[in-house]
Protein backbone atom coordinates (compact mmCIF):
# COMPACT_ATOMS: atom_id res chain seq x y z
CA MET A 1 -2.54 9.11 -28.91
CA LYS A 2 -1.20 10.94 -25.85
CA GLU A 3 -0.64 14.14 -27.83
CA GLU A 4 -4.17 14.00 -29.22
CA TYR A 5 -5.50 13.70 -25.68
CA LEU A 6 -3.44 16.68 -24.51
CA ILE A 7 -4.72 18.74 -27.44
CA HIS A 8 -8.26 17.70 -26.53
CA GLU A 9 -7.66 19.00 -22.99
CA GLU A 10 -6.49 22.36 -24.32
CA ASN A 11 -9.50 22.71 -26.60
CA TYR A 12 -12.24 21.33 -24.37
CA LEU A 13 -11.44 21.81 -20.68
CA SER A 14 -12.56 24.88 -18.78
CA GLN A 15 -10.28 27.87 -18.40
CA TYR A 16 -10.25 26.99 -14.69
CA ALA A 17 -9.17 23.37 -15.20
CA LYS A 18 -5.65 22.18 -14.47
CA LYS A 19 -4.21 21.03 -17.78
CA SER A 20 -1.98 17.97 -17.86
CA ARG A 21 0.73 19.94 -19.71
CA ASP A 22 0.92 22.20 -16.64
CA ALA A 23 1.50 19.40 -14.15
CA GLY A 24 4.23 20.42 -11.72
CA ALA A 25 7.58 18.73 -11.47
CA ARG A 26 7.95 15.57 -9.42
CA ALA A 27 10.49 15.39 -6.61
CA ARG A 28 12.44 12.90 -8.74
CA THR A 29 12.53 13.30 -12.51
CA ILE A 30 11.20 10.37 -14.55
CA GLU A 31 11.00 9.71 -18.26
CA PRO A 32 7.70 10.80 -19.88
CA CYS A 33 5.22 8.02 -20.62
CA PRO A 34 4.32 7.68 -24.33
CA LEU A 35 0.72 6.73 -23.50
CA ARG A 36 -0.36 8.51 -20.32
CA SER A 37 -0.47 12.06 -19.03
CA GLU A 38 1.25 12.84 -15.73
CA PHE A 39 -2.03 12.80 -13.79
CA GLN A 40 -2.99 9.47 -15.34
CA ARG A 41 0.35 8.08 -14.17
CA ASP A 42 -0.33 9.36 -10.65
CA ARG A 43 -3.73 7.68 -10.65
CA ASP A 44 -2.16 4.39 -11.69
CA ARG A 45 0.62 4.65 -9.10
CA ILE A 46 -1.96 5.13 -6.36
CA LEU A 47 -4.23 2.36 -7.63
CA HIS A 48 -1.39 -0.18 -7.64
CA CYS A 49 0.19 0.68 -4.27
CA LYS A 50 -0.06 -1.47 -1.16
CA SER A 51 -1.77 1.20 0.94
CA PHE A 52 -4.65 1.30 -1.53
CA ARG A 53 -5.18 -2.45 -1.31
CA ARG A 54 -5.22 -2.33 2.50
CA LEU A 55 -8.24 0.02 2.42
CA LYS A 56 -10.51 -2.95 1.75
CA HIS A 57 -10.01 -4.15 5.35
CA LYS A 58 -10.26 -0.78 7.10
CA THR A 59 -13.44 0.36 8.83
CA GLN A 60 -15.56 3.14 7.42
CA VAL A 61 -18.09 3.59 10.29
CA PHE A 62 -19.29 0.22 11.54
CA LEU A 63 -16.75 -1.92 13.38
CA SER A 64 -17.07 -5.68 12.84
CA PRO A 65 -20.43 -5.46 11.01
CA GLU A 66 -22.43 -8.61 10.47
CA GLY A 67 -22.94 -8.67 6.71
CA ASP A 68 -20.95 -8.18 3.55
CA HIS A 69 -22.66 -5.04 2.29
CA TYR A 70 -21.37 -2.40 4.70
CA ARG A 71 -18.88 0.10 3.34
CA THR A 72 -15.19 -0.18 3.97
CA ARG A 73 -12.62 2.54 3.48
CA LEU A 74 -11.99 1.12 -0.02
CA THR A 75 -15.60 1.17 -1.18
CA HIS A 76 -15.91 4.69 0.27
CA THR A 77 -12.88 5.73 -1.82
CA LEU A 78 -14.40 4.28 -4.98
CA GLU A 79 -17.70 6.06 -4.37
CA VAL A 80 -15.88 9.34 -3.81
CA ALA A 81 -13.93 8.85 -7.03
CA GLN A 82 -17.07 8.18 -9.07
CA ILE A 83 -18.96 11.18 -7.68
CA ALA A 84 -15.91 13.40 -8.18
CA ARG A 85 -15.40 12.22 -11.77
CA THR A 86 -19.02 12.98 -12.62
CA ALA A 87 -18.71 16.48 -11.19
CA ALA A 88 -15.38 17.10 -12.90
CA ARG A 89 -16.73 15.95 -16.26
CA CYS A 90 -19.78 18.21 -16.03
CA LEU A 91 -17.64 21.16 -14.94
CA ARG A 92 -15.10 20.47 -17.72
CA LEU A 93 -12.31 20.05 -15.18
CA ASN A 94 -9.44 17.57 -15.39
CA GLU A 95 -11.00 14.18 -14.70
CA ASP A 96 -7.66 12.40 -14.35
CA LEU A 97 -6.35 14.81 -11.72
CA THR A 98 -9.66 14.59 -9.88
CA GLU A 99 -9.62 10.79 -9.90
CA ALA A 100 -6.01 10.60 -8.71
CA ILE A 101 -6.77 12.85 -5.73
CA ALA A 102 -9.93 10.92 -4.90
CA LEU A 103 -8.23 7.53 -5.00
CA GLY A 104 -5.40 8.74 -2.78
CA HIS A 105 -7.26 10.88 -0.29
CA ASP A 106 -7.69 8.24 2.45
CA LEU A 107 -4.48 6.19 2.06
CA GLY A 108 -3.34 7.30 5.51
CA HIS A 109 -6.51 6.34 7.34
CA THR A 110 -6.14 4.26 10.47
CA PRO A 111 -7.70 0.93 11.41
CA PHE A 112 -11.12 1.19 13.10
CA GLY A 113 -12.17 4.34 11.27
CA HIS A 114 -12.15 7.74 12.88
CA SER A 115 -11.95 6.19 16.33
CA GLY A 116 -8.47 4.92 15.44
CA GLU A 117 -7.54 8.36 14.16
CA LYS A 118 -8.77 9.94 17.40
CA THR A 119 -6.70 7.50 19.49
CA LEU A 120 -3.50 8.13 17.53
CA ASN A 121 -4.10 11.87 17.78
CA GLU A 122 -4.34 11.49 21.55
CA LEU A 123 -1.18 9.40 21.71
CA MET A 124 0.88 11.53 19.34
CA GLY A 125 -0.44 14.94 20.30
CA HIS A 126 -1.17 15.55 16.62
CA PHE A 127 -2.43 13.10 14.01
CA HIS A 128 -4.80 13.74 11.10
CA HIS A 129 -5.49 11.20 8.39
CA ASN A 130 -5.16 13.71 5.54
CA GLU A 131 -1.62 14.55 6.64
CA GLN A 132 -0.86 10.85 7.03
CA SER A 133 -2.19 10.21 3.52
CA LEU A 134 0.31 12.75 2.22
CA ARG A 135 3.07 11.07 4.24
CA VAL A 136 2.12 7.73 2.73
CA VAL A 137 2.51 8.94 -0.85
CA GLU A 138 5.59 11.10 -0.16
CA VAL A 139 7.55 8.81 2.16
CA LEU A 140 6.12 5.48 3.26
CA GLU A 141 5.07 3.76 0.05
CA ASN A 142 7.56 1.97 -2.19
CA ASP A 143 9.81 0.95 0.70
CA GLY A 144 10.46 4.48 1.90
CA GLN A 145 10.73 6.16 -1.50
CA GLY A 146 7.13 7.31 -1.81
CA LEU A 147 5.10 7.35 -5.01
CA ASN A 148 6.77 10.47 -6.45
CA LEU A 149 3.46 12.13 -7.38
CA THR A 150 2.93 15.51 -8.99
CA PRO A 151 2.41 18.53 -6.67
CA ASP A 152 -1.29 19.07 -7.50
CA VAL A 153 -2.22 15.50 -6.59
CA ARG A 154 -0.30 15.75 -3.32
CA ASP A 155 -1.97 19.09 -2.56
CA GLY A 156 -5.43 17.66 -3.21
CA ILE A 157 -4.76 14.69 -0.94
CA LEU A 158 -3.58 16.94 1.87
CA ASN A 159 -6.45 19.41 1.55
CA HIS A 160 -9.41 17.10 1.03
CA ARG A 161 -10.87 17.77 4.48
CA GLN A 162 -13.71 20.25 5.02
CA GLY A 163 -12.39 23.68 5.91
CA LEU A 164 -9.17 23.29 3.91
CA LYS A 165 -8.58 24.92 0.53
CA PRO A 166 -6.96 22.89 -2.25
CA ALA A 167 -4.89 24.71 -4.86
CA THR A 168 -6.99 23.38 -7.75
CA LEU A 169 -10.71 23.21 -8.47
CA GLU A 170 -10.21 19.48 -9.00
CA GLY A 171 -9.10 19.21 -5.39
CA ALA A 172 -12.12 21.22 -4.27
CA VAL A 173 -14.39 18.84 -6.19
CA VAL A 174 -12.92 15.91 -4.25
CA ASN A 175 -13.42 17.83 -1.01
CA TYR A 176 -17.16 18.13 -1.69
CA SER A 177 -17.46 14.65 -3.19
CA ASP A 178 -15.97 13.12 -0.05
CA ARG A 179 -18.68 14.71 2.07
CA ILE A 180 -21.47 13.86 -0.37
CA ALA A 181 -20.31 10.24 -0.53
CA TYR A 182 -19.83 9.52 3.16
CA ILE A 183 -23.02 11.19 4.37
CA ASN A 184 -25.14 9.29 1.88
CA HIS A 185 -23.52 5.88 2.14
CA ASP A 186 -23.45 6.19 5.93
CA ILE A 187 -27.21 6.80 5.86
CA ASP A 188 -27.53 3.65 3.76
CA ASP A 189 -25.39 1.61 6.17
CA ALA A 190 -27.17 3.03 9.22
CA GLU A 191 -30.50 1.98 7.72
CA SER A 192 -29.12 -1.53 7.11
CA ALA A 193 -28.00 -1.63 10.74
CA GLY A 194 -31.46 -0.63 11.95
CA LEU A 195 -30.27 2.62 13.55
CA ILE A 196 -32.39 4.97 11.47
CA THR A 197 -34.99 4.92 8.72
CA GLU A 198 -35.45 7.25 5.78
CA GLU A 199 -38.48 8.77 7.52
CA MET A 200 -36.35 9.69 10.54
CA LEU A 201 -34.12 12.03 8.54
CA PRO A 202 -34.85 15.75 9.02
CA LYS A 203 -37.91 16.82 7.05
CA GLU A 204 -36.16 19.70 5.30
CA CYS A 205 -33.45 17.31 4.10
CA ARG A 206 -35.98 14.91 2.63
CA GLU A 207 -37.88 17.73 0.97
CA LEU A 208 -34.80 19.37 -0.56
CA PHE A 209 -32.51 16.45 -1.34
CA GLY A 210 -34.99 13.61 -1.92
CA THR A 211 -35.88 10.40 -0.14
CA SER A 212 -33.29 7.96 -1.48
CA LYS A 213 -29.52 7.78 -1.73
CA GLY A 214 -29.63 8.19 -5.49
CA GLU A 215 -31.90 11.22 -5.34
CA ARG A 216 -29.80 12.90 -2.67
CA ILE A 217 -26.53 12.42 -4.53
CA ASN A 218 -28.02 13.52 -7.85
CA ASN A 219 -29.62 16.65 -6.37
CA LEU A 220 -26.51 17.62 -4.43
CA LEU A 221 -24.33 17.16 -7.52
CA THR A 222 -26.76 19.12 -9.68
CA ASP A 223 -26.73 22.04 -7.25
CA LEU A 224 -22.93 21.88 -6.96
CA ILE A 225 -22.51 21.98 -10.74
CA GLU A 226 -25.07 24.73 -11.30
CA ASN A 227 -23.38 26.94 -8.71
CA SER A 228 -19.81 26.20 -9.85
CA TYR A 229 -19.86 26.02 -13.65
CA GLU A 230 -17.31 28.43 -15.14
CA LYS A 231 -17.18 30.45 -11.93
CA GLY A 232 -13.69 29.60 -10.73
CA VAL A 233 -15.03 28.24 -7.44
CA ILE A 234 -16.65 25.01 -6.23
CA ARG A 235 -19.66 25.57 -4.01
CA LEU A 236 -23.21 24.58 -3.18
CA SER A 237 -25.99 27.15 -3.06
CA ASP A 238 -26.47 28.77 0.34
CA ARG A 239 -29.67 26.81 0.96
CA TYR A 240 -28.12 23.49 0.03
CA GLU A 241 -25.06 24.22 2.16
CA GLU A 242 -27.26 25.04 5.15
CA VAL A 243 -29.42 21.93 4.88
CA PHE A 244 -26.44 19.71 4.09
CA ALA A 245 -24.77 20.91 7.31
CA HIS A 246 -28.01 20.10 9.14
CA LEU A 247 -27.99 16.57 7.72
CA ARG A 248 -24.36 16.12 8.72
CA LYS A 249 -25.17 17.19 12.29
CA TYR A 250 -28.07 14.76 12.36
CA MET A 251 -25.72 11.94 11.36
CA PHE A 252 -23.23 12.84 14.08
CA ASP A 253 -25.94 12.99 16.73
CA ASN A 254 -27.82 9.86 15.70
CA VAL A 255 -25.31 7.57 13.97
CA TYR A 256 -21.65 8.39 14.59
CA GLU A 257 -22.28 8.94 18.31
CA ASN A 258 -24.85 6.15 18.59
CA LYS A 259 -24.25 3.63 21.37
CA ALA A 260 -24.52 0.73 18.93
CA VAL A 261 -21.69 2.23 16.88
CA LYS A 262 -19.57 3.33 19.82
CA LYS A 263 -19.79 0.10 21.81
CA PHE A 264 -16.69 -1.16 19.98
CA VAL A 265 -14.86 2.15 20.13
CA LYS A 266 -13.52 1.70 23.67
CA LYS A 267 -12.21 -1.74 22.77
CA ALA A 268 -10.55 -0.43 19.61
CA ASP A 269 -9.12 2.51 21.54
CA ARG A 270 -7.59 0.23 24.19
CA MET A 271 -6.27 -2.14 21.53
CA ILE A 272 -4.41 0.64 19.70
CA LYS A 273 -3.03 2.06 22.95
CA LEU A 274 -1.68 -1.32 24.01
CA LEU A 275 -0.12 -1.92 20.60
CA TYR A 276 1.41 1.54 20.63
CA ASP A 277 2.88 1.07 24.10
CA TYR A 278 4.26 -2.35 23.18
CA TYR A 279 5.99 -1.19 19.99
CA ILE A 280 7.40 1.93 21.64
CA LYS A 281 9.13 -0.45 24.07
CA ASN A 282 10.00 -2.98 21.35
CA PRO A 283 10.61 -0.92 18.18
CA LEU A 284 12.75 -3.59 16.53
CA GLU A 285 9.64 -5.73 16.14
CA ILE A 286 8.13 -3.39 13.56
CA PRO A 287 9.18 -3.68 9.89
CA PRO A 288 12.57 -2.04 9.23
CA SER A 289 11.13 0.05 6.38
CA TYR A 290 9.26 2.18 8.94
CA LEU A 291 12.29 2.69 11.16
CA LYS A 292 14.49 3.90 8.34
CA THR A 293 12.11 6.76 7.50
CA ALA A 294 11.60 8.33 10.94
CA ASP A 295 12.32 8.37 14.66
CA THR A 296 10.94 5.54 16.78
CA ILE A 297 7.74 7.29 17.89
CA THR A 298 6.82 8.36 14.36
CA ALA A 299 7.72 4.93 12.98
CA VAL A 300 5.41 3.23 15.49
CA CYS A 301 2.62 5.62 14.58
CA ASP A 302 3.18 4.96 10.85
CA TYR A 303 3.09 1.20 11.43
CA ILE A 304 -0.11 1.23 13.46
CA ALA A 305 -1.82 3.70 11.11
CA ALA A 306 -1.05 1.40 8.20
CA MET A 307 -2.66 -1.64 9.85
CA THR A 308 -5.97 -3.01 8.66
CA ASP A 309 -8.59 -3.80 11.30
CA ARG A 310 -7.99 -7.52 11.15
CA TYR A 311 -4.20 -7.19 11.14
CA ALA A 312 -4.37 -4.99 14.26
CA ILE A 313 -6.61 -7.57 15.93
CA ARG A 314 -4.26 -10.39 14.95
CA LYS A 315 -1.20 -8.59 16.32
CA PHE A 316 -3.12 -7.82 19.52
CA GLU A 317 -4.01 -11.49 19.92
CA GLU A 318 -0.42 -12.57 19.26
CA LEU A 319 0.94 -10.16 21.84
CA PHE A 320 -1.67 -10.09 24.58
CA VAL A 321 -4.05 -13.05 24.32
CA PRO A 322 -2.94 -16.52 25.59
CA ASP A 323 -2.86 -19.04 22.77
CA ASP A 324 -5.52 -21.27 24.30
CA TRP A 325 -7.91 -18.29 24.60
CA ALA A 326 -7.30 -17.03 21.07
CA THR A 327 -8.26 -20.40 19.60
């Protein structure tokens, strides 16, 4: 069964696709699986790890939203994976490699969304969630042994941010899919929160991309595929790239920097700073698995970055809120 699948890859996938037979060597050699390719194994390792499960309680954009339908970092990851798989299938790229990168790309994200990332960057002098995601799969998971993933999956995780260049087209597909996913689901969430309406989006965006989430995603994917098919590069047309950048700027100006969104940011920022200061002074109170992989400062950063929103709040209450107040 596995051999038939590998033969299918050789016969069907694009000349630009990364074939499973060409997967690079892992840091630690393991016995081949009789059923799965190496990229399928990487996907499964990511899907079953603790960091992946914690994504369900990490903020995407809206902190402490009232309602069950706002995106979390987990639902964002699943939407990225689905968009990326569709693109990879249409481009005849390696769907398994694409999915593995997509599922792992945000494993290192902090509690409280990008505000948490910004705070840790300020405290550490340098912190980016893509680099932390790589650290999670290389070092932190599996009690300090990492997930032992193949090089192309690790490269795609590291280079999923805009402006970076993955080594494979599958990684580049995830790079674009991440942006397509978060812009469109953040519009959806912002509408649910009453911050914007569809009619408030820039006119050129509505005319080019459509007037619903489904239309926008479909049109963006169609343009991406038409401009990338068998060309050895992943790109949107110049017009789509220009208008997409305009839509992204609109979201930053009207949603991500909106007072209703940012009213919790100062509280989250102070919470993380207090936790950081406390654990720097009391490092033995963090799990030993973090301390055995790094110096104290890095271990504290790793521990806080791994927290879910509600776990960070609970630790804050335990450490800084009198019991009678917390109840």
